[in-house]
Protein backbone atom coordinates (compact mmCIF):
# COMPACT_ATOMS: atom_id res chain seq x y z
CA MET A 1 17.24 19.88 -21.51
CA GLU A 2 17.46 19.04 -17.80
CA GLU A 3 16.68 15.48 -16.80
CA GLN A 4 13.76 15.04 -14.38
CA LYS A 5 14.65 12.95 -11.33
CA THR A 6 12.11 10.57 -9.92
CA GLN A 7 11.49 10.83 -6.20
CA ILE A 8 10.59 7.67 -4.29
CA ARG A 9 9.67 7.88 -0.61
CA LEU A 10 8.37 5.49 2.03
CA VAL A 11 5.60 6.95 4.20
CA GLN A 12 4.66 5.08 7.37
CA TYR A 13 1.02 4.00 7.65
CA ASP A 14 -0.98 6.18 10.04
CA GLN A 15 -4.60 4.95 9.97
CA GLU A 16 -5.20 5.54 6.22
CA VAL A 17 -7.43 2.46 6.13
CA ARG A 18 -9.21 3.05 2.81
CA GLN A 19 -6.00 3.88 0.95
CA ALA A 20 -4.23 0.83 2.38
CA THR A 21 -7.08 -1.61 1.77
CA ASP A 22 -7.49 -0.41 -1.82
CA LEU A 23 -3.81 -1.15 -2.43
CA ILE A 24 -4.04 -4.54 -0.71
CA MET A 25 -7.07 -5.53 -2.82
CA GLY A 26 -5.19 -4.40 -5.95
CA PHE A 27 -2.17 -6.44 -4.94
CA TRP A 28 -4.18 -9.68 -4.65
CA LYS A 29 -5.97 -8.94 -7.94
CA ALA A 30 -2.71 -8.32 -9.80
CA HIS A 31 -0.72 -11.19 -8.31
CA SER A 32 -3.35 -13.90 -7.77
CA GLN A 33 -6.32 -12.84 -9.93
CA TYR A 34 -8.30 -12.83 -6.66
CA ASP A 35 -11.08 -10.31 -6.00
CA GLN A 36 -10.55 -9.69 -2.31
CA SER A 37 -13.33 -8.10 -0.26
CA PHE A 38 -12.83 -4.99 1.85
CA GLU A 39 -13.26 -7.14 4.97
CA GLU A 40 -10.48 -9.51 3.87
CA ALA A 41 -8.19 -6.62 3.00
CA ASN A 42 -8.92 -5.03 6.35
CA GLN A 43 -7.94 -8.31 8.08
CA ASP A 44 -4.66 -8.37 6.13
CA LEU A 45 -4.05 -4.75 7.11
CA ALA A 46 -4.70 -5.56 10.80
CA HIS A 47 -2.15 -8.40 10.65
CA TRP A 48 0.42 -6.34 8.75
CA THR A 49 0.16 -3.39 11.17
CA ALA A 50 0.06 -5.43 14.40
CA PRO A 51 2.83 -4.97 16.98
CA GLY A 52 6.13 -6.16 15.58
CA HIS A 53 5.18 -5.27 11.98
CA ALA A 54 5.57 -2.14 9.87
CA PHE A 55 3.48 -0.99 6.88
CA TYR A 56 4.69 1.77 4.56
CA PHE A 57 3.23 3.36 1.47
CA ILE A 58 5.50 3.68 -1.56
CA VAL A 59 5.13 7.22 -2.93
CA LYS A 60 6.55 8.05 -6.35
CA ASP A 61 6.63 11.72 -7.34
CA GLY A 62 3.85 12.50 -4.87
CA GLU A 63 1.55 9.63 -5.91
CA THR A 64 1.02 6.52 -3.77
CA VAL A 65 1.85 3.56 -5.98
CA GLY A 66 2.20 0.63 -3.61
CA PHE A 67 3.09 -0.62 -0.17
CA VAL A 68 5.76 -2.54 1.66
């Protein structure tokens, strides 16, 4: 039996606002038990994608699983 290899890629953010804000809201929920609003997540996204910053999606086997 051949072993399946996991593929992990970083994909640079390119105006996928809903996808990014959903991940940001999930991050705060998982790490701080905080229910962040879309507006708050959108503010975080604006800060994290401002000049001098970079925002990437973590994609595992074709599925977006996080961000960095």
